[in-house]
Amino acid sequence: MRTLRLLEERLLRGGRRTALRNAWAAVQEDRERAAARTEAERALTAVRDRPAGLSGPKVPRATRSAE
């Protein structure tokens, strides 16, 4: 990675180097969002495709006290 940065500094001017770094950061963020979206879709599909009667653990509702 250090070698790449040294080449980048030698070959590219400041503005273009900054633009390339920003573009690469955007690509990485897009990949992270895509991975998160894929995981969410898998989780939703797993819940949707669960057999009837397996709705998960019962959680008691909070009761309000009469005031």
PDB file of N, CA and C in Angstrom:
ATOM      1  N   MET A   1       0.825  -1.187   0.000  1.00  0.00           N
ATOM      2  CA  MET A   1       0.000   0.000   0.000  1.00  0.00           C
ATOM      3  C   MET A   1       0.876   1.260   0.000  1.00  0.00           C
ATOM      4  N   ARG A   2       1.973   1.190   0.715  1.00  0.00           N
ATOM      5  CA  ARG A   2       2.872   2.336   0.764  1.00  0.00           C
ATOM      6  C   ARG A   2       3.444   2.642  -0.614  1.00  0.00           C
ATOM      7  N   THR A   3       3.793   1.601  -1.330  1.00  0.00           N
ATOM      8  CA  THR A   3       4.340   1.787  -2.679  1.00  0.00           C
ATOM      9  C   THR A   3       3.323   2.472  -3.577  1.00  0.00           C
ATOM     10  N   LEU A   4       2.074   2.040  -3.460  1.00  0.00           N
ATOM     11  CA  LEU A   4       1.011   2.648  -4.256  1.00  0.00           C
ATOM     12  C   LEU A   4       0.863   4.127  -3.933  1.00  0.00           C
ATOM     13  N   ARG A   5       0.912   4.461  -2.667  1.00  0.00           N
ATOM     14  CA  ARG A   5       0.814   5.877  -2.275  1.00  0.00           C
ATOM     15  C   ARG A   5       1.984   6.691  -2.814  1.00  0.00           C
ATOM     16  N   LEU A   6       3.178   6.119  -2.772  1.00  0.00           N
ATOM     17  CA  LEU A   6       4.340   6.836  -3.303  1.00  0.00           C
ATOM     18  C   LEU A   6       4.199   7.078  -4.804  1.00  0.00           C
ATOM     19  N   LEU A   7       3.759   6.058  -5.532  1.00  0.00           N
ATOM     20  CA  LEU A   7       3.530   6.232  -6.968  1.00  0.00           C
ATOM     21  C   LEU A   7       2.448   7.270  -7.224  1.00  0.00           C
ATOM     22  N   GLU A   8       1.408   7.199  -6.430  1.00  0.00           N
ATOM     23  CA  GLU A   8       0.298   8.143  -6.564  1.00  0.00           C
ATOM     24  C   GLU A   8       0.805   9.573  -6.376  1.00  0.00           C
ATOM     25  N   GLU A   9       1.622   9.784  -5.364  1.00  0.00           N
ATOM     26  CA  GLU A   9       2.156  11.122  -5.099  1.00  0.00           C
ATOM     27  C   GLU A   9       3.030  11.611  -6.243  1.00  0.00           C
ATOM     28  N   ARG A  10       3.800  10.721  -6.820  1.00  0.00           N
ATOM     29  CA  ARG A  10       4.712  11.110  -7.894  1.00  0.00           C
ATOM     30  C   ARG A  10       3.967  11.373  -9.206  1.00  0.00           C
ATOM     31  N   LEU A  11       2.963  10.572  -9.486  1.00  0.00           N
ATOM     32  CA  LEU A  11       2.311  10.644 -10.796  1.00  0.00           C
ATOM     33  C   LEU A  11       1.135  11.607 -10.860  1.00  0.00           C
ATOM     34  N   LEU A  12       0.483  11.838  -9.746  1.00  0.00           N
ATOM     35  CA  LEU A  12      -0.742  12.625  -9.776  1.00  0.00           C
ATOM     36  C   LEU A  12      -0.583  13.939  -9.018  1.00  0.00           C
ATOM     37  N   ARG A  13      -1.232  14.929  -9.498  1.00  0.00           N
ATOM     38  CA  ARG A  13      -1.252  16.211  -8.805  1.00  0.00           C
ATOM     39  C   ARG A  13      -2.237  16.114  -7.645  1.00  0.00           C
ATOM     40  N   GLY A  14      -2.155  17.060  -6.739  1.00  0.00           N
ATOM     41  CA  GLY A  14      -2.960  17.043  -5.520  1.00  0.00           C
ATOM     42  C   GLY A  14      -4.452  16.907  -5.736  1.00  0.00           C
ATOM     43  N   GLY A  15      -5.027  17.689  -6.615  1.00  0.00           N
ATOM     44  CA  GLY A  15      -6.470  17.660  -6.835  1.00  0.00           C
ATOM     45  C   GLY A  15      -6.951  16.330  -7.385  1.00  0.00           C
ATOM     46  N   ARG A  16      -6.225  15.810  -8.327  1.00  0.00           N
ATOM     47  CA  ARG A  16      -6.622  14.531  -8.920  1.00  0.00           C
ATOM     48  C   ARG A  16      -6.448  13.393  -7.919  1.00  0.00           C
ATOM     49  N   ARG A  17      -5.407  13.459  -7.132  1.00  0.00           N
ATOM     50  CA  ARG A  17      -5.159  12.437  -6.105  1.00  0.00           C
ATOM     51  C   ARG A  17      -6.307  12.432  -5.090  1.00  0.00           C
ATOM     52  N   THR A  18      -6.724  13.628  -4.673  1.00  0.00           N
ATOM     53  CA  THR A  18      -7.835  13.741  -3.733  1.00  0.00           C
ATOM     54  C   THR A  18      -9.113  13.188  -4.346  1.00  0.00           C
ATOM     55  N   ALA A  19      -9.358  13.496  -5.607  1.00  0.00           N
ATOM     56  CA  ALA A  19     -10.560  13.004  -6.286  1.00  0.00           C
ATOM     57  C   ALA A  19     -10.561  11.477  -6.347  1.00  0.00           C
ATOM     58  N   LEU A  20      -9.410  10.884  -6.639  1.00  0.00           N
ATOM     59  CA  LEU A  20      -9.326   9.426  -6.697  1.00  0.00           C
ATOM     60  C   LEU A  20      -9.552   8.796  -5.329  1.00  0.00           C
ATOM     61  N   ARG A  21      -8.998   9.397  -4.299  1.00  0.00           N
ATOM     62  CA  ARG A  21      -9.215   8.868  -2.948  1.00  0.00           C
ATOM     63  C   ARG A  21     -10.689   8.968  -2.554  1.00  0.00           C
ATOM     64  N   ASN A  22     -11.305  10.090  -2.881  1.00  0.00           N
ATOM     65  CA  ASN A  22     -12.736  10.251  -2.577  1.00  0.00           C
ATOM     66  C   ASN A  22     -13.572   9.226  -3.336  1.00  0.00           C
ATOM     67  N   ALA A  23     -13.218   8.997  -4.591  1.00  0.00           N
ATOM     68  CA  ALA A  23     -13.960   8.020  -5.390  1.00  0.00           C
ATOM     69  C   ALA A  23     -13.797   6.622  -4.803  1.00  0.00           C
ATOM     70  N   TRP A  24     -12.600   6.279  -4.387  1.00  0.00           N
ATOM     71  CA  TRP A  24     -12.371   4.950  -3.803  1.00  0.00           C
ATOM     72  C   TRP A  24     -13.131   4.802  -2.488  1.00  0.00           C
ATOM     73  N   ALA A  25     -13.159   5.852  -1.685  1.00  0.00           N
ATOM     74  CA  ALA A  25     -13.916   5.815  -0.429  1.00  0.00           C
ATOM     75  C   ALA A  25     -15.400   5.601  -0.721  1.00  0.00           C
ATOM     76  N   ALA A  26     -15.912   6.245  -1.763  1.00  0.00           N
ATOM     77  CA  ALA A  26     -17.317   6.074  -2.127  1.00  0.00           C
ATOM     78  C   ALA A  26     -17.595   4.642  -2.576  1.00  0.00           C
ATOM     79  N   VAL A  27     -16.673   4.060  -3.317  1.00  0.00           N
ATOM     80  CA  VAL A  27     -16.829   2.661  -3.752  1.00  0.00           C
ATOM     81  C   VAL A  27     -16.887   1.738  -2.541  1.00  0.00           C
ATOM     82  N   GLN A  28     -15.998   1.952  -1.583  1.00  0.00           N
ATOM     83  CA  GLN A  28     -15.989   1.114  -0.386  1.00  0.00           C
ATOM     84  C   GLN A  28     -17.286   1.261   0.411  1.00  0.00           C
ATOM     85  N   GLU A  29     -17.790   2.490   0.541  1.00  0.00           N
ATOM     86  CA  GLU A  29     -19.049   2.715   1.251  1.00  0.00           C
ATOM     87  C   GLU A  29     -20.211   2.028   0.537  1.00  0.00           C
ATOM     88  N   ASP A  30     -20.223   2.090  -0.794  1.00  0.00           N
ATOM     89  CA  ASP A  30     -21.272   1.412  -1.564  1.00  0.00           C
ATOM     90  C   ASP A  30     -21.234  -0.088  -1.329  1.00  0.00           C
ATOM     91  N   ARG A  31     -20.047  -0.647  -1.273  1.00  0.00           N
ATOM     92  CA  ARG A  31     -19.915  -2.089  -1.019  1.00  0.00           C
ATOM     93  C   ARG A  31     -20.437  -2.453   0.363  1.00  0.00           C
ATOM     94  N   GLU A  32     -20.129  -1.617   1.349  1.00  0.00           N
ATOM     95  CA  GLU A  32     -20.612  -1.869   2.710  1.00  0.00           C
ATOM     96  C   GLU A  32     -22.141  -1.784   2.772  1.00  0.00           C
ATOM     97  N   ARG A  33     -22.713  -0.782   2.107  1.00  0.00           N
ATOM     98  CA  ARG A  33     -24.182  -0.653   2.080  1.00  0.00           C
ATOM     99  C   ARG A  33     -24.822  -1.845   1.380  1.00  0.00           C
ATOM    100  N   ALA A  34     -24.210  -2.296   0.293  1.00  0.00           N
ATOM    101  CA  ALA A  34     -24.748  -3.449  -0.433  1.00  0.00           C
ATOM    102  C   ALA A  34     -24.700  -4.699   0.430  1.00  0.00           C
ATOM    103  N   ALA A  35     -23.619  -4.883   1.182  1.00  0.00           N
ATOM    104  CA  ALA A  35     -23.515  -6.044   2.064  1.00  0.00           C
ATOM    105  C   ALA A  35     -24.566  -5.975   3.164  1.00  0.00           C
ATOM    106  N   ALA A  36     -24.775  -4.796   3.733  1.00  0.00           N
ATOM    107  CA  ALA A  36     -25.786  -4.629   4.780  1.00  0.00           C
ATOM    108  C   ALA A  36     -27.187  -4.885   4.215  1.00  0.00           C
ATOM    109  N   ARG A  37     -27.447  -4.403   3.015  1.00  0.00           N
ATOM    110  CA  ARG A  37     -28.758  -4.613   2.385  1.00  0.00           C
ATOM    111  C   ARG A  37     -28.999  -6.103   2.128  1.00  0.00           C
ATOM    112  N   THR A  38     -27.974  -6.795   1.651  1.00  0.00           N
ATOM    113  CA  THR A  38     -28.088  -8.229   1.395  1.00  0.00           C
ATOM    114  C   THR A  38     -28.386  -8.984   2.682  1.00  0.00           C
ATOM    115  N   GLU A  39     -27.698  -8.636   3.764  1.00  0.00           N
ATOM    116  CA  GLU A  39     -27.928  -9.289   5.052  1.00  0.00           C
ATOM    117  C   GLU A  39     -29.350  -9.014   5.552  1.00  0.00           C
ATOM    118  N   ALA A  40     -29.829  -7.797   5.395  1.00  0.00           N
ATOM    119  CA  ALA A  40     -31.192  -7.459   5.815  1.00  0.00           C
ATOM    120  C   ALA A  40     -32.215  -8.241   4.992  1.00  0.00           C
ATOM    121  N   GLU A  41     -31.980  -8.369   3.697  1.00  0.00           N
ATOM    122  CA  GLU A  41     -32.896  -9.136   2.848  1.00  0.00           C
ATOM    123  C   GLU A  41     -32.928 -10.603   3.267  1.00  0.00           C
ATOM    124  N   ARG A  42     -31.778 -11.156   3.598  1.00  0.00           N
ATOM    125  CA  ARG A  42     -31.719 -12.554   4.057  1.00  0.00           C
ATOM    126  C   ARG A  42     -32.502 -12.730   5.355  1.00  0.00           C
ATOM    127  N   ALA A  43     -32.329 -11.794   6.273  1.00  0.00           N
ATOM    128  CA  ALA A  43     -33.034 -11.882   7.560  1.00  0.00           C
ATOM    129  C   ALA A  43     -34.535 -11.776   7.353  1.00  0.00           C
ATOM    130  N   LEU A  44     -34.970 -10.858   6.521  1.00  0.00           N
ATOM    131  CA  LEU A  44     -36.400 -10.700   6.265  1.00  0.00           C
ATOM    132  C   LEU A  44     -36.982 -11.925   5.569  1.00  0.00           C
ATOM    133  N   THR A  45     -36.241 -12.491   4.646  1.00  0.00           N
ATOM    134  CA  THR A  45     -36.692 -13.705   3.964  1.00  0.00           C
ATOM    135  C   THR A  45     -36.807 -14.857   4.944  1.00  0.00           C
ATOM    136  N   ALA A  46     -35.847 -14.977   5.851  1.00  0.00           N
ATOM    137  CA  ALA A  46     -35.880 -16.058   6.846  1.00  0.00           C
ATOM    138  C   ALA A  46     -37.106 -15.916   7.747  1.00  0.00           C
ATOM    139  N   VAL A  47     -37.433 -14.709   8.139  1.00  0.00           N
ATOM    140  CA  VAL A  47     -38.604 -14.484   8.988  1.00  0.00           C
ATOM    141  C   VAL A  47     -39.883 -14.761   8.201  1.00  0.00           C
ATOM    142  N   ARG A  48     -39.930 -14.306   6.967  1.00  0.00           N
ATOM    143  CA  ARG A  48     -41.119 -14.495   6.142  1.00  0.00           C
ATOM    144  C   ARG A  48     -41.385 -15.973   5.861  1.00  0.00           C
ATOM    145  N   ASP A  49     -40.332 -16.738   5.636  1.00  0.00           N
ATOM    146  CA  ASP A  49     -40.476 -18.131   5.241  1.00  0.00           C
ATOM    147  C   ASP A  49     -40.565 -19.105   6.417  1.00  0.00           C
ATOM    148  N   ARG A  50     -40.585 -18.587   7.631  1.00  0.00           N
ATOM    149  CA  ARG A  50     -40.706 -19.446   8.803  1.00  0.00           C
ATOM    150  C   ARG A  50     -42.066 -20.115   8.824  1.00  0.00           C
ATOM    151  N   PRO A  51     -42.144 -21.385   9.230  1.00  0.00           N
ATOM    152  CA  PRO A  51     -43.443 -22.056   9.314  1.00  0.00           C
ATOM    153  C   PRO A  51     -44.380 -21.349  10.298  1.00  0.00           C
ATOM    154  N   ALA A  52     -45.680 -21.465  10.042  1.00  0.00           N
ATOM    155  CA  ALA A  52     -46.685 -20.838  10.925  1.00  0.00           C
ATOM    156  C   ALA A  52     -46.530 -21.395  12.337  1.00  0.00           C
ATOM    157  N   GLY A  53     -46.789 -20.575  13.312  1.00  0.00           N
ATOM    158  CA  GLY A  53     -46.699 -21.010  14.690  1.00  0.00           C
ATOM    159  C   GLY A  53     -45.324 -20.803  15.288  1.00  0.00           C
ATOM    160  N   LEU A  54     -44.375 -20.434  14.465  1.00  0.00           N
ATOM    161  CA  LEU A  54     -43.030 -20.171  14.974  1.00  0.00           C
ATOM    162  C   LEU A  54     -42.760 -18.677  14.885  1.00  0.00           C
ATOM    163  N   SER A  55     -43.537 -17.940  15.603  1.00  0.00           N
ATOM    164  CA  SER A  55     -43.417 -16.492  15.508  1.00  0.00           C
ATOM    165  C   SER A  55     -42.336 -15.929  16.415  1.00  0.00           C
ATOM    166  N   GLY A  56     -41.656 -16.796  17.125  1.00  0.00           N
ATOM    167  CA  GLY A  56     -40.581 -16.318  17.983  1.00  0.00           C
ATOM    168  C   GLY A  56     -41.007 -16.337  19.435  1.00  0.00           C
ATOM    169  N   PRO A  57     -40.128 -15.959  20.307  1.00  0.00           N
ATOM    170  CA  PRO A  57     -40.440 -16.006  21.736  1.00  0.00           C
ATOM    171  C   PRO A  57     -41.507 -14.986  22.094  1.00  0.00           C
ATOM    172  N   LYS A  58     -42.337 -15.351  23.045  1.00  0.00           N
ATOM    173  CA  LYS A  58     -43.367 -14.435  23.515  1.00  0.00           C
ATOM    174  C   LYS A  58     -42.727 -13.469  24.498  1.00  0.00           C
ATOM    175  N   VAL A  59     -42.974 -12.212  24.278  1.00  0.00           N
ATOM    176  CA  VAL A  59     -42.446 -11.182  25.165  1.00  0.00           C
ATOM    177  C   VAL A  59     -43.637 -10.512  25.814  1.00  0.00           C
ATOM    178  N   PRO A  60     -43.713 -10.547  27.143  1.00  0.00           N
ATOM    179  CA  PRO A  60     -44.869  -9.944  27.800  1.00  0.00           C
ATOM    180  C   PRO A  60     -44.906  -8.446  27.557  1.00  0.00           C
ATOM    181  N   ARG A  61     -46.103  -7.946  27.370  1.00  0.00           N
ATOM    182  CA  ARG A  61     -46.279  -6.512  27.181  1.00  0.00           C
ATOM    183  C   ARG A  61     -46.161  -5.810  28.526  1.00  0.00           C
ATOM    184  N   ALA A  62     -45.681  -4.619  28.485  1.00  0.00           N
ATOM    185  CA  ALA A  62     -45.626  -3.824  29.709  1.00  0.00           C
ATOM    186  C   ALA A  62     -47.048  -3.414  30.058  1.00  0.00           C
ATOM    187  N   THR A  63     -47.398  -3.543  31.306  1.00  0.00           N
ATOM    188  CA  THR A  63     -48.749  -3.161  31.734  1.00  0.00           C
ATOM    189  C   THR A  63     -48.688  -1.801  32.391  1.00  0.00           C
ATOM    190  N   ARG A  64     -49.737  -1.067  32.161  1.00  0.00           N
ATOM    191  CA  ARG A  64     -49.824   0.254  32.779  1.00  0.00           C
ATOM    192  C   ARG A  64     -50.513   0.127  34.124  1.00  0.00           C
ATOM    193  N   SER A  65     -49.989   0.776  35.094  1.00  0.00           N
ATOM    194  CA  SER A  65     -50.656   0.758  36.390  1.00  0.00           C
ATOM    195  C   SER A  65     -51.729   1.831  36.404  1.00  0.00           C
ATOM    196  N   ALA A  66     -52.837   1.537  37.065  1.00  0.00           N
ATOM    197  CA  ALA A  66     -53.932   2.517  37.151  1.00  0.00           C
ATOM    198  C   ALA A  66     -53.488   3.657  38.049  1.00  0.00           C
ATOM    199  N   GLU A  67     -53.575   4.826  37.535  1.00  0.00           N
ATOM    200  CA  GLU A  67     -53.157   5.992  38.327  1.00  0.00           C
ATOM    201  C   GLU A  67     -54.335   6.779  38.765  1.00  0.00           C
TER     202      GLU A  67
END
